[in-house]
PDB file of all heavy atoms in Angstrom:
ATOM      1  N   LYS A   1      -6.664 -16.048  -5.796  1.00  0.00           N
ATOM      2  CA  LYS A   1      -6.296 -16.312  -4.398  1.00  0.00           C
ATOM      3  C   LYS A   1      -4.785 -16.479  -4.246  1.00  0.00           C
ATOM      4  O   LYS A   1      -4.235 -16.217  -3.186  1.00  0.00           O
ATOM      5  CB  LYS A   1      -7.004 -17.556  -3.887  1.00  0.00           C
ATOM      6  CG  LYS A   1      -8.478 -17.338  -3.644  1.00  0.00           C
ATOM      7  CD  LYS A   1      -9.136 -18.597  -3.148  1.00  0.00           C
ATOM      8  CE  LYS A   1     -10.638 -18.385  -3.005  1.00  0.00           C
ATOM      9  NZ  LYS A   1     -11.326 -19.612  -2.619  1.00  0.00           N
ATOM     10  N   LEU A   2      -4.126 -16.911  -5.333  1.00  0.00           N
ATOM     11  CA  LEU A   2      -2.690 -17.158  -5.269  1.00  0.00           C
ATOM     12  C   LEU A   2      -1.841 -15.995  -5.787  1.00  0.00           C
ATOM     13  O   LEU A   2      -0.767 -15.724  -5.260  1.00  0.00           O
ATOM     14  CB  LEU A   2      -2.336 -18.411  -6.074  1.00  0.00           C
ATOM     15  CG  LEU A   2      -2.942 -19.713  -5.575  1.00  0.00           C
ATOM     16  CD1 LEU A   2      -2.637 -20.835  -6.552  1.00  0.00           C
ATOM     17  CD2 LEU A   2      -2.399 -20.045  -4.198  1.00  0.00           C
ATOM     18  N   TRP A   3      -2.325 -15.324  -6.831  1.00  0.00           N
ATOM     19  CA  TRP A   3      -1.524 -14.301  -7.491  1.00  0.00           C
ATOM     20  C   TRP A   3      -2.330 -13.052  -7.785  1.00  0.00           C
ATOM     21  O   TRP A   3      -3.540 -13.069  -7.811  1.00  0.00           O
ATOM     22  CB  TRP A   3      -0.976 -14.825  -8.827  1.00  0.00           C
ATOM     23  CG  TRP A   3      -0.010 -15.927  -8.661  1.00  0.00           C
ATOM     24  CD1 TRP A   3       1.257 -15.859  -8.177  1.00  0.00           C
ATOM     25  CD2 TRP A   3      -0.228 -17.304  -8.968  1.00  0.00           C
ATOM     26  NE1 TRP A   3       1.835 -17.092  -8.183  1.00  0.00           N
ATOM     27  CE2 TRP A   3       0.944 -18.008  -8.665  1.00  0.00           C
ATOM     28  CE3 TRP A   3      -1.301 -18.016  -9.488  1.00  0.00           C
ATOM     29  CZ2 TRP A   3       1.080 -19.362  -8.856  1.00  0.00           C
ATOM     30  CZ3 TRP A   3      -1.162 -19.367  -9.672  1.00  0.00           C
ATOM     31  CH2 TRP A   3       0.018 -20.030  -9.349  1.00  0.00           C
ATOM     32  N   ARG A   4      -1.585 -11.977  -8.050  1.00  0.00           N
ATOM     33  CA  ARG A   4      -2.165 -10.729  -8.538  1.00  0.00           C
ATOM     34  C   ARG A   4      -1.438 -10.344  -9.815  1.00  0.00           C
ATOM     35  O   ARG A   4      -0.241 -10.598  -9.948  1.00  0.00           O
ATOM     36  CB  ARG A   4      -1.979  -9.604  -7.515  1.00  0.00           C
ATOM     37  CG  ARG A   4      -2.804  -9.772  -6.270  1.00  0.00           C
ATOM     38  CD  ARG A   4      -2.633  -8.613  -5.334  1.00  0.00           C
ATOM     39  NE  ARG A   4      -1.233  -8.539  -4.902  1.00  0.00           N
ATOM     40  CZ  ARG A   4      -0.635  -7.430  -4.516  1.00  0.00           C
ATOM     41  NH1 ARG A   4      -1.280  -6.293  -4.509  1.00  0.00           N
ATOM     42  NH2 ARG A   4       0.624  -7.434  -4.131  1.00  0.00           N
ATOM     43  N   VAL A   5      -2.151  -9.734 -10.717  1.00  0.00           N
ATOM     44  CA  VAL A   5      -1.559  -9.248 -11.963  1.00  0.00           C
ATOM     45  C   VAL A   5      -1.691  -7.735 -11.973  1.00  0.00           C
ATOM     46  O   VAL A   5      -2.759  -7.196 -11.681  1.00  0.00           O
ATOM     47  CB  VAL A   5      -2.267  -9.867 -13.191  1.00  0.00           C
ATOM     48  CG1 VAL A   5      -1.697  -9.295 -14.469  1.00  0.00           C
ATOM     49  CG2 VAL A   5      -2.148 -11.381 -13.170  1.00  0.00           C
ATOM     50  N   MET A   6      -0.604  -7.055 -12.291  1.00  0.00           N
ATOM     51  CA  MET A   6      -0.614  -5.593 -12.344  1.00  0.00           C
ATOM     52  C   MET A   6       0.480  -5.126 -13.290  1.00  0.00           C
ATOM     53  O   MET A   6       1.332  -5.910 -13.697  1.00  0.00           O
ATOM     54  CB  MET A   6      -0.417  -5.008 -10.946  1.00  0.00           C
ATOM     55  CG  MET A   6       0.854  -5.418 -10.255  1.00  0.00           C
ATOM     56  SD  MET A   6       1.060  -4.769  -8.585  1.00  0.00           S
ATOM     57  CE  MET A   6      -0.256  -5.540  -7.726  1.00  0.00           C
ATOM     58  N   THR A   7       0.432  -3.860 -13.613  1.00  0.00           N
ATOM     59  CA  THR A   7       1.489  -3.303 -14.442  1.00  0.00           C
ATOM     60  C   THR A   7       2.735  -3.128 -13.580  1.00  0.00           C
ATOM     61  O   THR A   7       2.662  -3.050 -12.353  1.00  0.00           O
ATOM     62  CB  THR A   7       1.081  -1.943 -15.034  1.00  0.00           C
ATOM     63  OG1 THR A   7       0.897  -1.017 -13.970  1.00  0.00           O
ATOM     64  CG2 THR A   7      -0.185  -2.052 -15.865  1.00  0.00           C
ATOM     65  N   MET A   8       3.863  -3.074 -14.237  1.00  0.00           N
ATOM     66  CA  MET A   8       5.123  -2.885 -13.517  1.00  0.00           C
ATOM     67  C   MET A   8       5.125  -1.549 -12.790  1.00  0.00           C
ATOM     68  O   MET A   8       5.620  -1.441 -11.673  1.00  0.00           O
ATOM     69  CB  MET A   8       6.293  -2.970 -14.498  1.00  0.00           C
ATOM     70  CG  MET A   8       7.629  -2.899 -13.854  1.00  0.00           C
ATOM     71  SD  MET A   8       7.875  -4.335 -12.806  1.00  0.00           S
ATOM     72  CE  MET A   8       9.443  -3.945 -12.096  1.00  0.00           C
ATOM     73  N   LYS A   9       4.530  -0.545 -13.400  1.00  0.00           N
ATOM     74  CA  LYS A   9       4.460   0.780 -12.771  1.00  0.00           C
ATOM     75  C   LYS A   9       3.631   0.727 -11.492  1.00  0.00           C
ATOM     76  O   LYS A   9       4.028   1.286 -10.462  1.00  0.00           O
ATOM     77  CB  LYS A   9       3.858   1.777 -13.756  1.00  0.00           C
ATOM     78  CG  LYS A   9       3.804   3.187 -13.251  1.00  0.00           C
ATOM     79  CD  LYS A   9       3.228   4.126 -14.278  1.00  0.00           C
ATOM     80  CE  LYS A   9       3.144   5.529 -13.729  1.00  0.00           C
ATOM     81  NZ  LYS A   9       2.556   6.460 -14.690  1.00  0.00           N
ATOM     82  N   ASP A  10       2.491   0.022 -11.526  1.00  0.00           N
ATOM     83  CA  ASP A  10       1.659  -0.111 -10.331  1.00  0.00           C
ATOM     84  C   ASP A  10       2.381  -0.899  -9.244  1.00  0.00           C
ATOM     85  O   ASP A  10       2.305  -0.555  -8.062  1.00  0.00           O
ATOM     86  CB  ASP A  10       0.335  -0.800 -10.668  1.00  0.00           C
ATOM     87  CG  ASP A  10      -0.578   0.074 -11.503  1.00  0.00           C
ATOM     88  OD1 ASP A  10      -0.349   1.299 -11.536  1.00  0.00           O
ATOM     89  OD2 ASP A  10      -1.512  -0.472 -12.128  1.00  0.00           O
ATOM     90  N   TRP A  11       3.080  -1.960  -9.636  1.00  0.00           N
ATOM     91  CA  TRP A  11       3.812  -2.758  -8.652  1.00  0.00           C
ATOM     92  C   TRP A  11       4.909  -1.921  -8.006  1.00  0.00           C
ATOM     93  O   TRP A  11       5.110  -1.976  -6.798  1.00  0.00           O
ATOM     94  CB  TRP A  11       4.418  -3.999  -9.296  1.00  0.00           C
ATOM     95  CG  TRP A  11       5.173  -4.818  -8.295  1.00  0.00           C
ATOM     96  CD1 TRP A  11       4.658  -5.746  -7.444  1.00  0.00           C
ATOM     97  CD2 TRP A  11       6.577  -4.754  -8.008  1.00  0.00           C
ATOM     98  NE1 TRP A  11       5.653  -6.275  -6.658  1.00  0.00           N
ATOM     99  CE2 TRP A  11       6.845  -5.673  -6.985  1.00  0.00           C
ATOM    100  CE3 TRP A  11       7.618  -4.010  -8.526  1.00  0.00           C
ATOM    101  CZ2 TRP A  11       8.113  -5.874  -6.468  1.00  0.00           C
ATOM    102  CZ3 TRP A  11       8.892  -4.203  -8.003  1.00  0.00           C
ATOM    103  CH2 TRP A  11       9.122  -5.126  -6.981  1.00  0.00           C
ATOM    104  N   ASP A  12       5.609  -1.158  -8.826  1.00  0.00           N
ATOM    105  CA  ASP A  12       6.686  -0.310  -8.322  1.00  0.00           C
ATOM    106  C   ASP A  12       6.156   0.677  -7.288  1.00  0.00           C
ATOM    107  O   ASP A  12       6.737   0.842  -6.211  1.00  0.00           O
ATOM    108  CB  ASP A  12       7.319   0.441  -9.487  1.00  0.00           C
ATOM    109  CG  ASP A  12       8.808   0.567  -9.367  1.00  0.00           C
ATOM    110  OD1 ASP A  12       9.398  -0.151  -8.546  1.00  0.00           O
ATOM    111  OD2 ASP A  12       9.384   1.387 -10.109  1.00  0.00           O
ATOM    112  N   THR A  13       5.044   1.320  -7.596  1.00  0.00           N
ATOM    113  CA  THR A  13       4.442   2.280  -6.681  1.00  0.00           C
ATOM    114  C   THR A  13       3.976   1.593  -5.397  1.00  0.00           C
ATOM    115  O   THR A  13       4.254   2.058  -4.289  1.00  0.00           O
ATOM    116  CB  THR A  13       3.251   2.978  -7.354  1.00  0.00           C
ATOM    117  OG1 THR A  13       3.697   3.602  -8.544  1.00  0.00           O
ATOM    118  CG2 THR A  13       2.634   4.013  -6.430  1.00  0.00           C
ATOM    119  N   GLU A  14       3.299   0.469  -5.537  1.00  0.00           N
ATOM    120  CA  GLU A  14       2.774  -0.247  -4.370  1.00  0.00           C
ATOM    121  C   GLU A  14       3.908  -0.803  -3.520  1.00  0.00           C
ATOM    122  O   GLU A  14       3.859  -0.748  -2.293  1.00  0.00           O
ATOM    123  CB  GLU A  14       1.853  -1.380  -4.823  1.00  0.00           C
ATOM    124  CG  GLU A  14       1.151  -2.069  -3.692  1.00  0.00           C
ATOM    125  CD  GLU A  14       0.128  -3.072  -4.187  1.00  0.00           C
ATOM    126  OE1 GLU A  14      -0.626  -2.751  -5.111  1.00  0.00           O
ATOM    127  OE2 GLU A  14       0.096  -4.184  -3.625  1.00  0.00           O
ATOM    128  N   PHE A  15       4.933  -1.338  -4.148  1.00  0.00           N
ATOM    129  CA  PHE A  15       6.059  -1.894  -3.405  1.00  0.00           C
ATOM    130  C   PHE A  15       6.761  -0.807  -2.593  1.00  0.00           C
ATOM    131  O   PHE A  15       7.092  -1.010  -1.440  1.00  0.00           O
ATOM    132  CB  PHE A  15       7.049  -2.570  -4.349  1.00  0.00           C
ATOM    133  CG  PHE A  15       8.236  -3.160  -3.650  1.00  0.00           C
ATOM    134  CD1 PHE A  15       8.107  -4.339  -2.936  1.00  0.00           C
ATOM    135  CD2 PHE A  15       9.468  -2.529  -3.682  1.00  0.00           C
ATOM    136  CE1 PHE A  15       9.194  -4.885  -2.280  1.00  0.00           C
ATOM    137  CE2 PHE A  15      10.554  -3.068  -3.033  1.00  0.00           C
ATOM    138  CZ  PHE A  15      10.421  -4.249  -2.328  1.00  0.00           C
ATOM    139  N   LYS A  16       6.980   0.339  -3.201  1.00  0.00           N
ATOM    140  CA  LYS A  16       7.636   1.427  -2.477  1.00  0.00           C
ATOM    141  C   LYS A  16       6.787   1.916  -1.315  1.00  0.00           C
ATOM    142  O   LYS A  16       7.301   2.215  -0.244  1.00  0.00           O
ATOM    143  CB  LYS A  16       7.954   2.568  -3.436  1.00  0.00           C
ATOM    144  CG  LYS A  16       9.092   2.242  -4.363  1.00  0.00           C
ATOM    145  CD  LYS A  16       9.356   3.337  -5.343  1.00  0.00           C
ATOM    146  CE  LYS A  16      10.456   2.933  -6.314  1.00  0.00           C
ATOM    147  NZ  LYS A  16      10.661   3.913  -7.358  1.00  0.00           N
ATOM    148  N   ASN A  17       5.465   1.981  -1.504  1.00  0.00           N
ATOM    149  CA  ASN A  17       4.585   2.392  -0.412  1.00  0.00           C
ATOM    150  C   ASN A  17       4.597   1.363   0.705  1.00  0.00           C
ATOM    151  O   ASN A  17       4.639   1.719   1.888  1.00  0.00           O
ATOM    152  CB  ASN A  17       3.162   2.591  -0.915  1.00  0.00           C
ATOM    153  CG  ASN A  17       3.014   3.846  -1.739  1.00  0.00           C
ATOM    154  OD1 ASN A  17       3.836   4.752  -1.648  1.00  0.00           O
ATOM    155  ND2 ASN A  17       1.978   3.898  -2.546  1.00  0.00           N
ATOM    156  N   ASN A  18       4.545   0.072   0.362  1.00  0.00           N
ATOM    157  CA  ASN A  18       4.569  -0.969   1.382  1.00  0.00           C
ATOM    158  C   ASN A  18       5.905  -0.995   2.103  1.00  0.00           C
ATOM    159  O   ASN A  18       5.964  -1.205   3.311  1.00  0.00           O
ATOM    160  CB  ASN A  18       4.287  -2.338   0.761  1.00  0.00           C
ATOM    161  CG  ASN A  18       2.832  -2.517   0.420  1.00  0.00           C
ATOM    162  OD1 ASN A  18       1.979  -1.816   0.948  1.00  0.00           O
ATOM    163  ND2 ASN A  18       2.548  -3.446  -0.462  1.00  0.00           N
ATOM    164  N   LEU A  19       6.979  -0.784   1.375  1.00  0.00           N
ATOM    165  CA  LEU A  19       8.298  -0.758   1.994  1.00  0.00           C
ATOM    166  C   LEU A  19       8.397   0.414   2.968  1.00  0.00           C
ATOM    167  O   LEU A  19       8.911   0.272   4.073  1.00  0.00           O
ATOM    168  CB  LEU A  19       9.381  -0.645   0.918  1.00  0.00           C
ATOM    169  CG  LEU A  19      10.811  -0.670   1.400  1.00  0.00           C
ATOM    170  CD1 LEU A  19      11.116  -2.005   2.079  1.00  0.00           C
ATOM    171  CD2 LEU A  19      11.759  -0.445   0.247  1.00  0.00           C
ATOM    172  N   ASN A  20       7.859   1.547   2.565  1.00  0.00           N
ATOM    173  CA  ASN A  20       7.858   2.720   3.431  1.00  0.00           C
ATOM    174  C   ASN A  20       7.034   2.447   4.685  1.00  0.00           C
ATOM    175  O   ASN A  20       7.433   2.810   5.791  1.00  0.00           O
ATOM    176  CB  ASN A  20       7.313   3.926   2.672  1.00  0.00           C
ATOM    177  CG  ASN A  20       7.581   5.226   3.386  1.00  0.00           C
ATOM    178  OD1 ASN A  20       8.534   5.322   4.150  1.00  0.00           O
ATOM    179  ND2 ASN A  20       6.755   6.210   3.152  1.00  0.00           N
ATOM    180  N   ASP A  21       5.882   1.792   4.542  1.00  0.00           N
ATOM    181  CA  ASP A  21       5.050   1.460   5.702  1.00  0.00           C
ATOM    182  C   ASP A  21       5.760   0.490   6.627  1.00  0.00           C
ATOM    183  O   ASP A  21       5.648   0.573   7.839  1.00  0.00           O
ATOM    184  CB  ASP A  21       3.722   0.852   5.253  1.00  0.00           C
ATOM    185  CG  ASP A  21       2.799   1.891   4.643  1.00  0.00           C
ATOM    186  OD1 ASP A  21       3.034   3.096   4.852  1.00  0.00           O
ATOM    187  OD2 ASP A  21       1.846   1.496   3.950  1.00  0.00           O
ATOM    188  N   ARG A  22       6.473  -0.461   6.061  1.00  0.00           N
ATOM    189  CA  ARG A  22       7.200  -1.429   6.881  1.00  0.00           C
ATOM    190  C   ARG A  22       8.302  -0.745   7.672  1.00  0.00           C
ATOM    191  O   ARG A  22       8.570  -1.093   8.810  1.00  0.00           O
ATOM    192  CB  ARG A  22       7.798  -2.525   5.998  1.00  0.00           C
ATOM    193  CG  ARG A  22       6.780  -3.452   5.428  1.00  0.00           C
ATOM    194  CD  ARG A  22       7.424  -4.495   4.560  1.00  0.00           C
ATOM    195  NE  ARG A  22       6.426  -5.056   3.668  1.00  0.00           N
ATOM    196  CZ  ARG A  22       6.680  -5.538   2.478  1.00  0.00           C
ATOM    197  NH1 ARG A  22       7.900  -5.566   2.021  1.00  0.00           N
ATOM    198  NH2 ARG A  22       5.710  -6.021   1.737  1.00  0.00           N
ATOM    199  N   GLN A  23       8.963   0.215   7.049  1.00  0.00           N
ATOM    200  CA  GLN A  23      10.065   0.887   7.720  1.00  0.00           C
ATOM    201  C   GLN A  23       9.581   1.953   8.694  1.00  0.00           C
ATOM    202  O   GLN A  23      10.205   2.191   9.709  1.00  0.00           O
ATOM    203  CB  GLN A  23      10.986   1.524   6.693  1.00  0.00           C
ATOM    204  CG  GLN A  23      11.743   0.504   5.883  1.00  0.00           C
ATOM    205  CD  GLN A  23      12.583   1.139   4.802  1.00  0.00           C
ATOM    206  OE1 GLN A  23      12.371   2.284   4.443  1.00  0.00           O
ATOM    207  NE2 GLN A  23      13.526   0.387   4.280  1.00  0.00           N
ATOM    208  N   LEU A  24       8.481   2.600   8.383  1.00  0.00           N
ATOM    209  CA  LEU A  24       8.024   3.705   9.207  1.00  0.00           C
ATOM    210  C   LEU A  24       6.808   3.354  10.050  1.00  0.00           C
ATOM    211  O   LEU A  24       6.218   4.222  10.659  1.00  0.00           O
ATOM    212  CB  LEU A  24       7.691   4.912   8.311  1.00  0.00           C
ATOM    213  CG  LEU A  24       8.844   5.447   7.486  1.00  0.00           C
ATOM    214  CD1 LEU A  24       8.358   6.558   6.571  1.00  0.00           C
ATOM    215  CD2 LEU A  24       9.969   5.933   8.362  1.00  0.00           C
ATOM    216  N   GLY A  25       6.447   2.103  10.077  1.00  0.00           N
ATOM    217  CA  GLY A  25       5.270   1.681  10.818  1.00  0.00           C
ATOM    218  C   GLY A  25       5.505   1.639  12.313  1.00  0.00           C
ATOM    219  O   GLY A  25       6.475   2.185  12.853  1.00  0.00           O
ATOM    220  N   LYS A  26       4.635   0.993  13.030  1.00  0.00           N
ATOM    221  CA  LYS A  26       4.708   0.916  14.484  1.00  0.00           C
ATOM    222  C   LYS A  26       5.931   0.151  14.954  1.00  0.00           C
ATOM    223  O   LYS A  26       6.396   0.331  16.069  1.00  0.00           O
ATOM    224  CB  LYS A  26       3.451   0.245  15.026  1.00  0.00           C
ATOM    225  CG  LYS A  26       2.203   1.059  14.791  1.00  0.00           C
ATOM    226  CD  LYS A  26       0.979   0.346  15.303  1.00  0.00           C
ATOM    227  CE  LYS A  26      -0.268   1.154  14.993  1.00  0.00           C
ATOM    228  NZ  LYS A  26      -1.474   0.469  15.404  1.00  0.00           N
ATOM    229  N   ARG A  27       6.442  -0.739  14.095  1.00  0.00           N
ATOM    230  CA  ARG A  27       7.581  -1.555  14.491  1.00  0.00           C
ATOM    231  C   ARG A  27       8.917  -0.848  14.285  1.00  0.00           C
ATOM    232  O   ARG A  27       9.965  -1.414  14.512  1.00  0.00           O
ATOM    233  CB  ARG A  27       7.578  -2.861  13.686  1.00  0.00           C
ATOM    234  CG  ARG A  27       6.375  -3.721  13.987  1.00  0.00           C
ATOM    235  CD  ARG A  27       6.411  -4.967  13.179  1.00  0.00           C
ATOM    236  NE  ARG A  27       6.160  -4.606  11.782  1.00  0.00           N
ATOM    237  CZ  ARG A  27       6.428  -5.366  10.750  1.00  0.00           C
ATOM    238  NH1 ARG A  27       6.982  -6.533  10.923  1.00  0.00           N
ATOM    239  NH2 ARG A  27       6.161  -4.978   9.532  1.00  0.00           N
ATOM    240  N   LYS A  28       8.893   0.391  13.884  1.00  0.00           N
ATOM    241  CA  LYS A  28      10.133   1.104  13.614  1.00  0.00           C
ATOM    242  C   LYS A  28      10.901   1.322  14.913  1.00  0.00           C
ATOM    243  O   LYS A  28      10.347   1.748  15.918  1.00  0.00           O
ATOM    244  CB  LYS A  28       9.826   2.447  12.960  1.00  0.00           C
ATOM    245  CG  LYS A  28      11.065   3.240  12.646  1.00  0.00           C
ATOM    246  CD  LYS A  28      10.719   4.537  11.978  1.00  0.00           C
ATOM    247  CE  LYS A  28      11.976   5.332  11.753  1.00  0.00           C
ATOM    248  NZ  LYS A  28      11.684   6.635  11.203  1.00  0.00           N
ATOM    249  N   TYR A  29      12.157   1.006  14.870  1.00  0.00           N
ATOM    250  CA  TYR A  29      13.019   1.164  16.034  1.00  0.00           C
ATOM    251  C   TYR A  29      14.054   2.230  15.717  1.00  0.00           C
ATOM    252  O   TYR A  29      14.862   2.071  14.811  1.00  0.00           O
ATOM    253  CB  TYR A  29      13.688  -0.153  16.385  1.00  0.00           C
ATOM    254  CG  TYR A  29      14.633  -0.057  17.554  1.00  0.00           C
ATOM    255  CD1 TYR A  29      14.162   0.310  18.805  1.00  0.00           C
ATOM    256  CD2 TYR A  29      15.974  -0.327  17.404  1.00  0.00           C
ATOM    257  CE1 TYR A  29      15.017   0.414  19.880  1.00  0.00           C
ATOM    258  CE2 TYR A  29      16.843  -0.236  18.469  1.00  0.00           C
ATOM    259  CZ  TYR A  29      16.352   0.138  19.706  1.00  0.00           C
ATOM    260  OH  TYR A  29      17.211   0.240  20.764  1.00  0.00           O
TER     261      TYR A  29
END
C-alpha cells in the first residue's frame, strides 16, 4: 500500500510514459 518495487528499467519506462501523459494530457496548455 505504501511502496512498489520494480526494476530500474521498468521505472524508467513508466516514469517517461507518465511524464509524457502529464505533459500531453488534458491539462496541456
